[in-house]
C-alpha atoms as a PDB file:
ATOM      1  CA  UNK A   1     112.309  85.181 172.407  1.00  0.00           C
ATOM      2  CA  UNK A   2     108.923  86.387 173.599  1.00  0.00           C
ATOM      3  CA  UNK A   3     108.409  87.540 177.147  1.00  0.00           C
ATOM      4  CA  UNK A   4     106.308  84.444 177.835  1.00  0.00           C
ATOM      5  CA  UNK A   5     109.149  82.076 176.871  1.00  0.00           C
ATOM      6  CA  UNK A   6     112.326  81.371 178.615  1.00  0.00           C
ATOM      7  CA  UNK A   7     115.576  80.111 177.271  1.00  0.00           C
ATOM      8  CA  UNK A   8     114.835  76.731 178.843  1.00  0.00           C
ATOM      9  CA  UNK A   9     111.443  76.566 177.049  1.00  0.00           C
ATOM     10  CA  UNK A  10     113.244  77.183 173.727  1.00  0.00           C
ATOM     11  CA  UNK A  11     116.006  74.662 174.494  1.00  0.00           C
ATOM     12  CA  UNK A  12     113.385  72.081 175.439  1.00  0.00           C
ATOM     13  CA  UNK A  13     111.563  72.706 172.133  1.00  0.00           C
ATOM     14  CA  UNK A  14     114.823  72.149 170.198  1.00  0.00           C
ATOM     15  CA  UNK A  15     115.830  69.007 172.173  1.00  0.00           C
ATOM     16  CA  UNK A  16     112.431  67.339 171.705  1.00  0.00           C
ATOM     17  CA  UNK A  17     112.198  67.532 167.900  1.00  0.00           C
ATOM     18  CA  UNK A  18     111.572  63.924 166.942  1.00  0.00           C
ATOM     19  CA  UNK A  19     111.221  62.018 163.666  1.00  0.00           C
ATOM     20  CA  UNK A  20     107.590  61.100 162.995  1.00  0.00           C
ATOM     21  CA  UNK A  21     107.029  58.257 160.514  1.00  0.00           C
ATOM     22  CA  UNK A  22     103.342  57.664 160.980  1.00  0.00           C
ATOM     23  CA  UNK A  23     100.752  60.394 160.384  1.00  0.00           C
ATOM     24  CA  UNK A  24      97.025  60.816 161.002  1.00  0.00           C
ATOM     25  CA  UNK A  25      94.770  61.457 157.998  1.00  0.00           C
ATOM     26  CA  UNK A  26      94.210  65.140 157.362  1.00  0.00           C
ATOM     27  CA  UNK A  27      95.748  68.173 155.767  1.00  0.00           C
ATOM     28  CA  UNK A  28      98.286  70.747 156.882  1.00  0.00           C
ATOM     29  CA  UNK A  29      96.595  74.122 157.479  1.00  0.00           C
ATOM     30  CA  UNK A  30      97.557  76.732 154.870  1.00  0.00           C
ATOM     31  CA  UNK A  31      98.799  79.116 157.596  1.00  0.00           C
ATOM     32  CA  UNK A  32     101.159  76.442 158.851  1.00  0.00           C
ATOM     33  CA  UNK A  33     102.457  75.737 155.368  1.00  0.00           C
ATOM     34  CA  UNK A  34     102.934  79.446 154.747  1.00  0.00           C
ATOM     35  CA  UNK A  35     105.022  79.703 157.962  1.00  0.00           C
ATOM     36  CA  UNK A  36     107.102  76.650 157.033  1.00  0.00           C
ATOM     37  CA  UNK A  37     107.807  77.958 153.595  1.00  0.00           C
ATOM     38  CA  UNK A  38     108.676  81.432 154.993  1.00  0.00           C
ATOM     39  CA  UNK A  39     111.131  79.866 157.492  1.00  0.00           C
ATOM     40  CA  UNK A  40     112.679  78.021 154.559  1.00  0.00           C
ATOM     41  CA  UNK A  41     113.003  81.215 152.573  1.00  0.00           C
ATOM     42  CA  UNK A  42     114.798  82.848 155.524  1.00  0.00           C
ATOM     43  CA  UNK A  43     117.095  79.934 156.262  1.00  0.00           C
ATOM     44  CA  UNK A  44     120.758  80.774 155.987  1.00  0.00           C
ATOM     45  CA  UNK A  45     123.013  79.457 153.284  1.00  0.00           C
ATOM     46  CA  UNK A  46     126.643  79.763 152.276  1.00  0.00           C
ATOM     47  CA  UNK A  47     127.186  83.249 150.782  1.00  0.00           C
ATOM     48  CA  UNK A  48     123.364  83.649 151.023  1.00  0.00           C
ATOM     49  CA  UNK A  49     123.020  81.873 147.673  1.00  0.00           C
ATOM     50  CA  UNK A  50     119.893  79.989 148.733  1.00  0.00           C
ATOM     51  CA  UNK A  51     120.719  77.130 146.298  1.00  0.00           C
ATOM     52  CA  UNK A  52     117.366  75.472 146.647  1.00  0.00           C
ATOM     53  CA  UNK A  53     113.834  75.404 145.285  1.00  0.00           C
ATOM     54  CA  UNK A  54     111.094  73.421 147.033  1.00  0.00           C
ATOM     55  CA  UNK A  55     108.366  71.212 145.576  1.00  0.00           C
ATOM     56  CA  UNK A  56     105.373  70.892 147.930  1.00  0.00           C
ATOM     57  CA  UNK A  57     103.416  67.718 147.235  1.00  0.00           C
ATOM     58  CA  UNK A  58      99.952  67.390 148.832  1.00  0.00           C
ATOM     59  CA  UNK A  59      98.179  65.337 146.253  1.00  0.00           C
ATOM     60  CA  UNK A  60      97.505  61.895 147.779  1.00  0.00           C
ATOM     61  CA  UNK A  61      98.106  60.006 144.508  1.00  0.00           C
ATOM     62  CA  UNK A  62     101.491  61.740 143.981  1.00  0.00           C
ATOM     63  CA  UNK A  63     102.475  61.008 147.624  1.00  0.00           C
ATOM     64  CA  UNK A  64     101.790  57.370 146.995  1.00  0.00           C
ATOM     65  CA  UNK A  65     103.683  57.460 143.677  1.00  0.00           C
ATOM     66  CA  UNK A  66     106.679  58.867 145.531  1.00  0.00           C
ATOM     67  CA  UNK A  67     106.751  55.654 147.765  1.00  0.00           C
ATOM     68  CA  UNK A  68     106.303  53.148 144.968  1.00  0.00           C
ATOM     69  CA  UNK A  69     109.762  53.217 143.490  1.00  0.00           C
ATOM     70  CA  UNK A  70     112.925  51.498 144.573  1.00  0.00           C
ATOM     71  CA  UNK A  71     114.874  53.607 147.065  1.00  0.00           C
ATOM     72  CA  UNK A  72     111.755  55.508 148.087  1.00  0.00           C
ATOM     73  CA  UNK A  73     110.983  56.727 151.571  1.00  0.00           C
ATOM     74  CA  UNK A  74     107.916  54.888 152.964  1.00  0.00           C
ATOM     75  CA  UNK A  75     106.863  57.494 155.562  1.00  0.00           C
ATOM     76  CA  UNK A  76     105.986  59.898 152.722  1.00  0.00           C
ATOM     77  CA  UNK A  77     102.917  57.666 151.945  1.00  0.00           C
ATOM     78  CA  UNK A  78     101.015  58.461 155.181  1.00  0.00           C
ATOM     79  CA  UNK A  79     102.058  62.136 155.388  1.00  0.00           C
ATOM     80  CA  UNK A  80      99.655  64.994 154.704  1.00  0.00           C
ATOM     81  CA  UNK A  81     102.391  66.521 152.502  1.00  0.00           C
ATOM     82  CA  UNK A  82     106.002  66.234 151.454  1.00  0.00           C
ATOM     83  CA  UNK A  83     108.556  68.912 150.646  1.00  0.00           C
ATOM     84  CA  UNK A  84     111.210  67.792 148.129  1.00  0.00           C
ATOM     85  CA  UNK A  85     114.381  69.880 148.371  1.00  0.00           C
ATOM     86  CA  UNK A  86     115.709  70.638 144.896  1.00  0.00           C
ATOM     87  CA  UNK A  87     119.328  71.864 145.139  1.00  0.00           C
ATOM     88  CA  UNK A  88     121.080  73.763 142.394  1.00  0.00           C
ATOM     89  CA  UNK A  89     123.424  70.908 141.806  1.00  0.00           C
ATOM     90  CA  UNK A  90     126.533  73.007 141.203  1.00  0.00           C
ATOM     91  CA  UNK A  91     129.422  70.458 141.263  1.00  0.00           C
ATOM     92  CA  UNK A  92     131.876  73.244 142.353  1.00  0.00           C
ATOM     93  CA  UNK A  93     129.751  73.962 145.394  1.00  0.00           C
ATOM     94  CA  UNK A  94     128.735  70.450 146.360  1.00  0.00           C
ATOM     95  CA  UNK A  95     130.084  70.653 149.963  1.00  0.00           C
ATOM     96  CA  UNK A  96     128.348  74.082 150.445  1.00  0.00           C
ATOM     97  CA  UNK A  97     125.050  72.797 149.079  1.00  0.00           C
ATOM     98  CA  UNK A  98     125.198  69.656 151.159  1.00  0.00           C
ATOM     99  CA  UNK A  99     125.653  71.777 154.311  1.00  0.00           C
ATOM    100  CA  UNK A 100     122.942  74.203 153.220  1.00  0.00           C
ATOM    101  CA  UNK A 101     120.550  71.230 152.546  1.00  0.00           C
ATOM    102  CA  UNK A 102     121.027  70.015 156.120  1.00  0.00           C
ATOM    103  CA  UNK A 103     120.387  73.479 157.566  1.00  0.00           C
ATOM    104  CA  UNK A 104     117.320  73.936 155.473  1.00  0.00           C
ATOM    105  CA  UNK A 105     115.946  70.489 156.365  1.00  0.00           C
ATOM    106  CA  UNK A 106     116.257  71.054 160.144  1.00  0.00           C
ATOM    107  CA  UNK A 107     114.641  74.463 159.966  1.00  0.00           C
ATOM    108  CA  UNK A 108     111.689  73.103 157.948  1.00  0.00           C
ATOM    109  CA  UNK A 109     111.202  70.399 160.572  1.00  0.00           C
ATOM    110  CA  UNK A 110     111.450  72.897 163.426  1.00  0.00           C
ATOM    111  CA  UNK A 111     108.864  75.193 161.702  1.00  0.00           C
ATOM    112  CA  UNK A 112     106.516  72.212 161.309  1.00  0.00           C
ATOM    113  CA  UNK A 113     106.963  71.362 165.041  1.00  0.00           C
ATOM    114  CA  UNK A 114     106.130  74.933 166.045  1.00  0.00           C
ATOM    115  CA  UNK A 115     102.708  74.168 164.562  1.00  0.00           C
ATOM    116  CA  UNK A 116     102.311  70.843 166.310  1.00  0.00           C
ATOM    117  CA  UNK A 117     103.144  68.938 163.135  1.00  0.00           C
ATOM    118  CA  UNK A 118     105.440  65.975 162.923  1.00  0.00           C
ATOM    119  CA  UNK A 119     108.024  65.455 160.274  1.00  0.00           C
ATOM    120  CA  UNK A 120     110.657  63.101 159.128  1.00  0.00           C
ATOM    121  CA  UNK A 121     113.553  63.535 156.715  1.00  0.00           C
ATOM    122  CA  UNK A 122     114.570  60.967 154.162  1.00  0.00           C
ATOM    123  CA  UNK A 123     117.010  60.660 151.295  1.00  0.00           C
ATOM    124  CA  UNK A 124     115.983  59.101 147.968  1.00  0.00           C
ATOM    125  CA  UNK A 125     118.365  56.224 147.061  1.00  0.00           C
ATOM    126  CA  UNK A 126     119.251  54.266 144.022  1.00  0.00           C
ATOM    127  CA  UNK A 127     117.268  55.354 140.922  1.00  0.00           C
ATOM    128  CA  UNK A 128     114.723  57.233 143.006  1.00  0.00           C
ATOM    129  CA  UNK A 129     116.238  60.706 142.478  1.00  0.00           C
ATOM    130  CA  UNK A 130     115.904  60.342 138.729  1.00  0.00           C
ATOM    131  CA  UNK A 131     112.382  58.939 139.022  1.00  0.00           C
ATOM    132  CA  UNK A 132     111.294  61.784 141.316  1.00  0.00           C
ATOM    133  CA  UNK A 133     112.789  64.334 138.950  1.00  0.00           C
ATOM    134  CA  UNK A 134     110.834  62.911 136.074  1.00  0.00           C
ATOM    135  CA  UNK A 135     107.593  62.641 138.067  1.00  0.00           C
ATOM    136  CA  UNK A 136     107.819  66.210 139.265  1.00  0.00           C
ATOM    137  CA  UNK A 137     109.245  67.851 136.188  1.00  0.00           C
ATOM    138  CA  UNK A 138     112.543  68.750 137.861  1.00  0.00           C
ATOM    139  CA  UNK A 139     115.442  69.525 135.525  1.00  0.00           C
ATOM    140  CA  UNK A 140     118.005  66.677 135.224  1.00  0.00           C
ATOM    141  CA  UNK A 141     120.899  68.870 136.272  1.00  0.00           C
ATOM    142  CA  UNK A 142     119.420  69.574 139.709  1.00  0.00           C
ATOM    143  CA  UNK A 143     120.297  67.598 142.814  1.00  0.00           C
ATOM    144  CA  UNK A 144     117.325  65.843 144.405  1.00  0.00           C
ATOM    145  CA  UNK A 145     117.865  63.558 147.391  1.00  0.00           C
ATOM    146  CA  UNK A 146     116.002  64.974 150.363  1.00  0.00           C
ATOM    147  CA  UNK A 147     112.334  64.759 151.175  1.00  0.00           C
ATOM    148  CA  UNK A 148     110.612  65.874 154.346  1.00  0.00           C
ATOM    149  CA  UNK A 149     107.296  64.235 155.330  1.00  0.00           C
ATOM    150  CA  UNK A 150     104.947  66.494 157.268  1.00  0.00           C
ATOM    151  CA  UNK A 151     101.612  65.847 158.997  1.00  0.00           C
ATOM    152  CA  UNK A 152      99.908  65.398 162.362  1.00  0.00           C
ATOM    153  CA  UNK A 153     101.616  62.529 164.286  1.00  0.00           C
ATOM    154  CA  UNK A 154      99.658  59.345 164.604  1.00  0.00           C
ATOM    155  CA  UNK A 155     100.224  58.947 168.378  1.00  0.00           C
ATOM    156  CA  UNK A 156      98.270  55.655 168.500  1.00  0.00           C
ATOM    157  CA  UNK A 157     100.666  54.092 165.974  1.00  0.00           C
ATOM    158  CA  UNK A 158     103.620  55.463 167.914  1.00  0.00           C
ATOM    159  CA  UNK A 159     102.358  53.959 171.157  1.00  0.00           C
ATOM    160  CA  UNK A 160     101.873  50.611 169.417  1.00  0.00           C
ATOM    161  CA  UNK A 161     105.603  50.466 168.427  1.00  0.00           C
ATOM    162  CA  UNK A 162     108.027  48.697 170.707  1.00  0.00           C
ATOM    163  CA  UNK A 163     109.771  51.168 173.035  1.00  0.00           C
ATOM    164  CA  UNK A 164     113.437  51.609 172.188  1.00  0.00           C
ATOM    165  CA  UNK A 165     115.708  53.617 174.456  1.00  0.00           C
ATOM    166  CA  UNK A 166     117.103  56.729 172.820  1.00  0.00           C
ATOM    167  CA  UNK A 167     120.529  56.915 174.424  1.00  0.00           C
ATOM    168  CA  UNK A 168     122.710  59.953 173.994  1.00  0.00           C
ATOM    169  CA  UNK A 169     126.357  60.033 174.645  1.00  0.00           C
ATOM    170  CA  UNK A 170     127.404  62.000 177.718  1.00  0.00           C
ATOM    171  CA  UNK A 171     128.623  65.549 177.004  1.00  0.00           C
ATOM    172  CA  UNK A 172     132.125  64.524 178.224  1.00  0.00           C
ATOM    173  CA  UNK A 173     132.343  62.016 175.335  1.00  0.00           C
ATOM    174  CA  UNK A 174     131.478  64.514 172.601  1.00  0.00           C
ATOM    175  CA  UNK A 175     132.817  67.914 173.761  1.00  0.00           C
ATOM    176  CA  UNK A 176     136.435  68.988 173.923  1.00  0.00           C
ATOM    177  CA  UNK A 177     137.512  72.348 175.265  1.00  0.00           C
ATOM    178  CA  UNK A 178     140.324  74.281 173.760  1.00  0.00           C
ATOM    179  CA  UNK A 179     141.920  71.118 172.215  1.00  0.00           C
ATOM    180  CA  UNK A 180     140.660  67.860 170.880  1.00  0.00           C
ATOM    181  CA  UNK A 181     142.823  65.753 173.149  1.00  0.00           C
END
């Protein structure tokens, strides 16, 4: 924590991470991408195995191709870029890789937010994982299900959406001390 930031500033940053599904045209600056990828590289994983590789897609035609199939994630189409998480796919370590995939996703999204970028996570469904592997040359034995769209938020599109309350359960409903009951 820098001397100019307080714990409450950092907590506020963490609490206000939001999913962004509409992006302005434009590109992600190379310095921001470098930081995002470096945060991904330093993300923790079970036994420090780092069971992932990342495919960064910035080509507009490829981003559109990623949203054309069944089970695709539509917000990828308007993003400046997408990062596809390619997990090792070790069946003996499936629970570990699933946990690591979630940790990695959240850290990528937080790194993007630190640069003022919006992001949204999605899972490919149906035949989409196989189609994505084929499109991007990913080996068949790898696990592909997560994509993170990244770009500058389209605030005008966000304001045009109907407002939905974002309720959160009270702490007393989700936290137990010492024992569950």
